[in-house]
PDB file of all heavy atoms in Angstrom:
ATOM      1  N   CYS A   1     252.095 170.003  39.222  1.00  0.00           N
ATOM      2  CA  CYS A   1     253.562 170.031  39.060  1.00  0.00           C
ATOM      3  C   CYS A   1     253.929 171.420  38.523  1.00  0.00           C
ATOM      4  O   CYS A   1     253.600 171.798  37.436  1.00  0.00           O
ATOM      5  CB  CYS A   1     254.029 168.951  37.985  1.00  0.00           C
ATOM      6  SG  CYS A   1     255.727 169.014  37.398  1.00  0.00           S
ATOM      7  N   VAL A   2     254.613 172.120  39.429  1.00  0.00           N
ATOM      8  CA  VAL A   2     255.070 173.454  39.004  1.00  0.00           C
ATOM      9  C   VAL A   2     256.546 173.396  38.487  1.00  0.00           C
ATOM     10  O   VAL A   2     257.451 172.798  39.069  1.00  0.00           O
ATOM     11  CB  VAL A   2     255.071 174.370  40.242  1.00  0.00           C
ATOM     12  CG1 VAL A   2     255.657 175.770  39.859  1.00  0.00           C
ATOM     13  CG2 VAL A   2     253.656 174.450  40.801  1.00  0.00           C
ATOM     14  N   VAL A   3     256.683 173.948  37.371  1.00  0.00           N
ATOM     15  CA  VAL A   3     258.005 173.877  36.674  1.00  0.00           C
ATOM     16  C   VAL A   3     258.733 175.196  36.696  1.00  0.00           C
ATOM     17  O   VAL A   3     258.068 176.291  36.604  1.00  0.00           O
ATOM     18  CB  VAL A   3     257.739 173.438  35.171  1.00  0.00           C
ATOM     19  CG1 VAL A   3     259.055 173.244  34.350  1.00  0.00           C
ATOM     20  CG2 VAL A   3     256.937 172.147  35.016  1.00  0.00           C
ATOM     21  N   SER A   4     260.025 175.154  36.835  1.00  0.00           N
ATOM     22  CA  SER A   4     260.928 176.444  36.993  1.00  0.00           C
ATOM     23  C   SER A   4     261.040 177.226  35.785  1.00  0.00           C
ATOM     24  O   SER A   4     261.703 178.237  35.822  1.00  0.00           O
ATOM     25  CB  SER A   4     262.115 176.064  37.648  1.00  0.00           C
ATOM     26  OG  SER A   4     263.006 175.304  36.845  1.00  0.00           O
ATOM     27  N   ARG A   5     260.618 176.677  34.620  1.00  0.00           N
ATOM     28  CA  ARG A   5     260.749 177.449  33.313  1.00  0.00           C
ATOM     29  C   ARG A   5     259.535 177.199  32.559  1.00  0.00           C
ATOM     30  O   ARG A   5     258.656 176.467  32.995  1.00  0.00           O
ATOM     31  CB  ARG A   5     262.042 177.039  32.591  1.00  0.00           C
ATOM     32  CG  ARG A   5     262.011 175.621  32.180  1.00  0.00           C
ATOM     33  CD  ARG A   5     263.151 175.368  31.302  1.00  0.00           C
ATOM     34  NE  ARG A   5     263.003 176.119  29.967  1.00  0.00           N
ATOM     35  CZ  ARG A   5     263.991 176.434  29.174  1.00  0.00           C
ATOM     36  NH1 ARG A   5     265.322 176.063  29.454  1.00  0.00           N
ATOM     37  NH2 ARG A   5     263.770 176.995  28.100  1.00  0.00           N
ATOM     38  N   SER A   6     259.379 177.873  31.407  1.00  0.00           N
ATOM     39  CA  SER A   6     258.346 177.727  30.667  1.00  0.00           C
ATOM     40  C   SER A   6     258.025 176.333  30.099  1.00  0.00           C
ATOM     41  O   SER A   6     258.837 175.831  29.509  1.00  0.00           O
ATOM     42  CB  SER A   6     258.335 178.648  29.371  1.00  0.00           C
ATOM     43  OG  SER A   6     257.417 178.452  28.444  1.00  0.00           O
ATOM     44  N   ILE A   7     256.752 175.925  30.433  1.00  0.00           N
ATOM     45  CA  ILE A   7     256.461 174.442  30.005  1.00  0.00           C
ATOM     46  C   ILE A   7     256.326 174.427  28.526  1.00  0.00           C
ATOM     47  O   ILE A   7     256.279 173.374  27.962  1.00  0.00           O
ATOM     48  CB  ILE A   7     255.331 173.854  30.790  1.00  0.00           C
ATOM     49  CG1 ILE A   7     254.042 174.663  30.659  1.00  0.00           C
ATOM     50  CG2 ILE A   7     255.705 173.704  32.252  1.00  0.00           C
ATOM     51  CD1 ILE A   7     252.835 174.076  31.295  1.00  0.00           C
ATOM     52  N   PHE A   8     255.921 175.524  27.864  1.00  0.00           N
ATOM     53  CA  PHE A   8     255.762 175.543  26.529  1.00  0.00           C
ATOM     54  C   PHE A   8     257.079 175.264  25.761  1.00  0.00           C
ATOM     55  O   PHE A   8     257.085 174.829  24.676  1.00  0.00           O
ATOM     56  CB  PHE A   8     255.130 176.921  26.061  1.00  0.00           C
ATOM     57  CG  PHE A   8     254.661 176.819  24.700  1.00  0.00           C
ATOM     58  CD1 PHE A   8     253.532 176.153  24.268  1.00  0.00           C
ATOM     59  CD2 PHE A   8     255.390 177.448  23.586  1.00  0.00           C
ATOM     60  CE1 PHE A   8     253.163 176.080  22.966  1.00  0.00           C
ATOM     61  CE2 PHE A   8     255.007 177.498  22.250  1.00  0.00           C
ATOM     62  CZ  PHE A   8     253.783 176.861  22.001  1.00  0.00           C
ATOM     63  N   SER A   9     258.177 175.471  26.415  1.00  0.00           N
ATOM     64  CA  SER A   9     259.484 175.255  25.830  1.00  0.00           C
ATOM     65  C   SER A   9     259.821 173.754  25.921  1.00  0.00           C
ATOM     66  O   SER A   9     260.850 173.256  25.375  1.00  0.00           O
ATOM     67  CB  SER A   9     260.597 176.058  26.484  1.00  0.00           C
ATOM     68  OG  SER A   9     260.772 175.665  27.833  1.00  0.00           O
ATOM     69  N   MET A  10     259.124 172.974  26.702  1.00  0.00           N
ATOM     70  CA  MET A  10     259.443 171.611  26.862  1.00  0.00           C
ATOM     71  C   MET A  10     258.855 170.765  25.731  1.00  0.00           C
ATOM     72  O   MET A  10     257.746 171.094  25.168  1.00  0.00           O
ATOM     73  CB  MET A  10     258.823 171.040  28.263  1.00  0.00           C
ATOM     74  CG  MET A  10     259.166 171.853  29.496  1.00  0.00           C
ATOM     75  SD  MET A  10     260.887 171.931  29.808  1.00  0.00           S
ATOM     76  CE  MET A  10     260.967 170.365  30.702  1.00  0.00           C
ATOM     77  N   HIS A  11     259.504 169.792  25.295  1.00  0.00           N
ATOM     78  CA  HIS A  11     259.075 168.949  24.205  1.00  0.00           C
ATOM     79  C   HIS A  11     257.727 168.210  24.705  1.00  0.00           C
ATOM     80  O   HIS A  11     256.815 168.040  23.917  1.00  0.00           O
ATOM     81  CB  HIS A  11     259.971 167.916  23.809  1.00  0.00           C
ATOM     82  CG  HIS A  11     261.215 168.461  23.262  1.00  0.00           C
ATOM     83  ND1 HIS A  11     261.276 169.585  22.399  1.00  0.00           N
ATOM     84  CD2 HIS A  11     262.634 168.137  23.385  1.00  0.00           C
ATOM     85  CE1 HIS A  11     262.538 169.902  21.995  1.00  0.00           C
ATOM     86  NE2 HIS A  11     263.270 169.099  22.607  1.00  0.00           N
ATOM     87  N   ALA A  12     257.684 167.734  25.955  1.00  0.00           N
ATOM     88  CA  ALA A  12     256.573 167.126  26.553  1.00  0.00           C
ATOM     89  C   ALA A  12     256.612 167.129  28.060  1.00  0.00           C
ATOM     90  O   ALA A  12     257.634 167.313  28.596  1.00  0.00           O
ATOM     91  CB  ALA A  12     256.557 165.603  26.053  1.00  0.00           C
ATOM     92  N   MET A  13     255.500 167.051  28.598  1.00  0.00           N
ATOM     93  CA  MET A  13     255.356 166.929  30.058  1.00  0.00           C
ATOM     94  C   MET A  13     254.592 165.723  30.384  1.00  0.00           C
ATOM     95  O   MET A  13     253.580 165.430  29.674  1.00  0.00           O
ATOM     96  CB  MET A  13     254.648 168.290  30.683  1.00  0.00           C
ATOM     97  CG  MET A  13     255.455 169.502  30.545  1.00  0.00           C
ATOM     98  SD  MET A  13     256.977 169.501  31.445  1.00  0.00           S
ATOM     99  CE  MET A  13     256.422 169.092  33.067  1.00  0.00           C
ATOM    100  N   GLY A  14     254.934 165.030  31.482  1.00  0.00           N
ATOM    101  CA  GLY A  14     254.286 163.702  31.665  1.00  0.00           C
ATOM    102  C   GLY A  14     254.180 163.373  33.185  1.00  0.00           C
ATOM    103  O   GLY A  14     254.846 164.002  33.930  1.00  0.00           O
ATOM    104  N   TRP A  15     253.306 162.473  33.486  1.00  0.00           N
ATOM    105  CA  TRP A  15     253.170 161.852  34.830  1.00  0.00           C
ATOM    106  C   TRP A  15     253.573 160.394  34.718  1.00  0.00           C
ATOM    107  O   TRP A  15     253.030 159.648  33.851  1.00  0.00           O
ATOM    108  CB  TRP A  15     251.802 162.081  35.319  1.00  0.00           C
ATOM    109  CG  TRP A  15     251.448 163.529  35.723  1.00  0.00           C
ATOM    110  CD1 TRP A  15     250.846 164.365  34.987  1.00  0.00           C
ATOM    111  CD2 TRP A  15     251.739 164.141  36.924  1.00  0.00           C
ATOM    112  NE1 TRP A  15     250.773 165.616  35.740  1.00  0.00           N
ATOM    113  CE2 TRP A  15     251.262 165.422  36.936  1.00  0.00           C
ATOM    114  CE3 TRP A  15     252.481 163.700  38.182  1.00  0.00           C
ATOM    115  CZ2 TRP A  15     251.430 166.276  37.916  1.00  0.00           C
ATOM    116  CZ3 TRP A  15     252.574 164.584  39.199  1.00  0.00           C
ATOM    117  CH2 TRP A  15     252.047 165.836  39.113  1.00  0.00           C
ATOM    118  N   TYR A  16     254.379 159.964  35.599  1.00  0.00           N
ATOM    119  CA  TYR A  16     254.766 158.619  35.778  1.00  0.00           C
ATOM    120  C   TYR A  16     254.489 158.119  37.180  1.00  0.00           C
ATOM    121  O   TYR A  16     254.278 159.013  38.031  1.00  0.00           O
ATOM    122  CB  TYR A  16     256.332 158.337  35.493  1.00  0.00           C
ATOM    123  CG  TYR A  16     256.526 158.652  34.049  1.00  0.00           C
ATOM    124  CD1 TYR A  16     256.570 159.925  33.448  1.00  0.00           C
ATOM    125  CD2 TYR A  16     256.926 157.549  33.150  1.00  0.00           C
ATOM    126  CE1 TYR A  16     256.921 160.020  32.137  1.00  0.00           C
ATOM    127  CE2 TYR A  16     257.320 157.705  31.852  1.00  0.00           C
ATOM    128  CZ  TYR A  16     257.262 159.016  31.305  1.00  0.00           C
ATOM    129  OH  TYR A  16     257.583 159.216  30.019  1.00  0.00           O
ATOM    130  N   ARG A  17     254.261 156.867  37.376  1.00  0.00           N
ATOM    131  CA  ARG A  17     254.197 156.410  38.733  1.00  0.00           C
ATOM    132  C   ARG A  17     255.047 155.047  39.011  1.00  0.00           C
ATOM    133  O   ARG A  17     255.383 154.452  38.019  1.00  0.00           O
ATOM    134  CB  ARG A  17     252.626 155.983  38.982  1.00  0.00           C
ATOM    135  CG  ARG A  17     252.140 154.961  38.171  1.00  0.00           C
ATOM    136  CD  ARG A  17     250.616 154.881  38.426  1.00  0.00           C
ATOM    137  NE  ARG A  17     249.905 153.759  37.836  1.00  0.00           N
ATOM    138  CZ  ARG A  17     248.593 153.630  37.586  1.00  0.00           C
ATOM    139  NH1 ARG A  17     247.814 154.388  38.216  1.00  0.00           N
ATOM    140  NH2 ARG A  17     248.143 152.579  37.018  1.00  0.00           N
ATOM    141  N   GLN A  18     255.285 154.874  40.195  1.00  0.00           N
ATOM    142  CA  GLN A  18     256.094 153.684  40.577  1.00  0.00           C
ATOM    143  C   GLN A  18     255.516 153.082  41.907  1.00  0.00           C
ATOM    144  O   GLN A  18     255.447 153.695  42.830  1.00  0.00           O
ATOM    145  CB  GLN A  18     257.607 153.966  40.776  1.00  0.00           C
ATOM    146  CG  GLN A  18     258.333 152.706  41.011  1.00  0.00           C
ATOM    147  CD  GLN A  18     259.867 153.061  40.814  1.00  0.00           C
ATOM    148  OE1 GLN A  18     260.293 154.151  40.886  1.00  0.00           O
ATOM    149  NE2 GLN A  18     260.569 151.998  40.594  1.00  0.00           N
ATOM    150  N   ALA A  19     254.935 151.892  41.778  1.00  0.00           N
ATOM    151  CA  ALA A  19     254.477 151.158  42.896  1.00  0.00           C
ATOM    152  C   ALA A  19     255.534 150.303  43.491  1.00  0.00           C
ATOM    153  O   ALA A  19     256.498 149.996  42.854  1.00  0.00           O
ATOM    154  CB  ALA A  19     253.254 150.338  42.465  1.00  0.00           C
ATOM    155  N   PRO A  20     255.450 150.022  44.857  1.00  0.00           N
ATOM    156  CA  PRO A  20     256.442 149.151  45.437  1.00  0.00           C
ATOM    157  C   PRO A  20     256.722 147.883  44.684  1.00  0.00           C
ATOM    158  O   PRO A  20     255.922 147.188  44.321  1.00  0.00           O
ATOM    159  CB  PRO A  20     256.011 148.949  46.930  1.00  0.00           C
ATOM    160  CG  PRO A  20     254.974 150.030  47.108  1.00  0.00           C
ATOM    161  CD  PRO A  20     254.348 150.302  45.749  1.00  0.00           C
ATOM    162  N   GLY A  21     258.001 147.604  44.382  1.00  0.00           N
ATOM    163  CA  GLY A  21     258.494 146.453  43.712  1.00  0.00           C
ATOM    164  C   GLY A  21     258.165 146.402  42.255  1.00  0.00           C
ATOM    165  O   GLY A  21     258.398 145.338  41.600  1.00  0.00           O
ATOM    166  N   LYS A  22     257.663 147.510  41.787  1.00  0.00           N
ATOM    167  CA  LYS A  22     257.430 147.534  40.280  1.00  0.00           C
ATOM    168  C   LYS A  22     258.234 148.653  39.591  1.00  0.00           C
ATOM    169  O   LYS A  22     258.835 149.539  40.197  1.00  0.00           O
ATOM    170  CB  LYS A  22     255.918 147.758  40.037  1.00  0.00           C
ATOM    171  CG  LYS A  22     255.118 146.725  40.478  1.00  0.00           C
ATOM    172  CD  LYS A  22     253.598 146.974  40.080  1.00  0.00           C
ATOM    173  CE  LYS A  22     252.699 145.840  40.488  1.00  0.00           C
ATOM    174  NZ  LYS A  22     251.393 146.007  39.999  1.00  0.00           N
ATOM    175  N   GLN A  23     258.380 148.531  38.323  1.00  0.00           N
ATOM    176  CA  GLN A  23     259.149 149.542  37.415  1.00  0.00           C
ATOM    177  C   GLN A  23     258.181 150.850  37.320  1.00  0.00           C
ATOM    178  O   GLN A  23     257.029 150.814  37.476  1.00  0.00           O
ATOM    179  CB  GLN A  23     259.433 149.023  36.126  1.00  0.00           C
ATOM    180  CG  GLN A  23     260.454 147.898  36.139  1.00  0.00           C
ATOM    181  CD  GLN A  23     260.901 147.579  34.779  1.00  0.00           C
ATOM    182  OE1 GLN A  23     260.208 147.691  33.883  1.00  0.00           O
ATOM    183  NE2 GLN A  23     262.163 147.182  34.606  1.00  0.00           N
ATOM    184  N   ARG A  24     258.841 151.942  37.176  1.00  0.00           N
ATOM    185  CA  ARG A  24     258.209 153.141  36.960  1.00  0.00           C
ATOM    186  C   ARG A  24     257.542 153.069  35.545  1.00  0.00           C
ATOM    187  O   ARG A  24     258.078 152.607  34.662  1.00  0.00           O
ATOM    188  CB  ARG A  24     259.213 154.390  36.906  1.00  0.00           C
ATOM    189  CG  ARG A  24     258.530 155.711  36.822  1.00  0.00           C
ATOM    190  CD  ARG A  24     259.550 156.816  37.000  1.00  0.00           C
ATOM    191  NE  ARG A  24     260.227 156.749  38.326  1.00  0.00           N
ATOM    192  CZ  ARG A  24     261.023 157.690  38.751  1.00  0.00           C
ATOM    193  NH1 ARG A  24     261.260 158.754  38.096  1.00  0.00           N
ATOM    194  NH2 ARG A  24     261.722 157.588  39.975  1.00  0.00           N
ATOM    195  N   GLU A  25     256.255 153.601  35.469  1.00  0.00           N
ATOM    196  CA  GLU A  25     255.394 153.467  34.308  1.00  0.00           C
ATOM    197  C   GLU A  25     254.850 154.761  33.908  1.00  0.00           C
ATOM    198  O   GLU A  25     254.564 155.637  34.779  1.00  0.00           O
ATOM    199  CB  GLU A  25     254.318 152.404  34.416  1.00  0.00           C
ATOM    200  CG  GLU A  25     253.335 152.631  35.495  1.00  0.00           C
ATOM    201  CD  GLU A  25     252.281 151.565  35.641  1.00  0.00           C
ATOM    202  OE1 GLU A  25     252.227 150.668  34.852  1.00  0.00           O
ATOM    203  OE2 GLU A  25     251.284 151.880  36.374  1.00  0.00           O
ATOM    204  N   LEU A  26     254.564 154.865  32.669  1.00  0.00           N
ATOM    205  CA  LEU A  26     253.908 156.159  32.107  1.00  0.00           C
ATOM    206  C   LEU A  26     252.478 156.112  32.537  1.00  0.00           C
ATOM    207  O   LEU A  26     251.743 155.146  32.396  1.00  0.00           O
ATOM    208  CB  LEU A  26     254.013 156.269  30.712  1.00  0.00           C
ATOM    209  CG  LEU A  26     253.261 157.314  29.942  1.00  0.00           C
ATOM    210  CD1 LEU A  26     253.852 158.761  30.268  1.00  0.00           C
ATOM    211  CD2 LEU A  26     253.295 157.191  28.417  1.00  0.00           C
ATOM    212  N   VAL A  27     251.957 157.236  33.007  1.00  0.00           N
ATOM    213  CA  VAL A  27     250.515 157.435  33.340  1.00  0.00           C
ATOM    214  C   VAL A  27     249.857 158.229  32.260  1.00  0.00           C
ATOM    215  O   VAL A  27     248.878 157.808  31.641  1.00  0.00           O
ATOM    216  CB  VAL A  27     250.327 158.072  34.690  1.00  0.00           C
ATOM    217  CG1 VAL A  27     248.802 158.294  34.836  1.00  0.00           C
ATOM    218  CG2 VAL A  27     250.953 157.225  35.806  1.00  0.00           C
TER     219      VAL A  27
END
């Protein structure tokens, strides 16, 4: 995941996923 600004300035970075028919969930 390439971010357009400094990721150190972000409070947090994360990955989520969403399967068909399911809610998006934190990975």
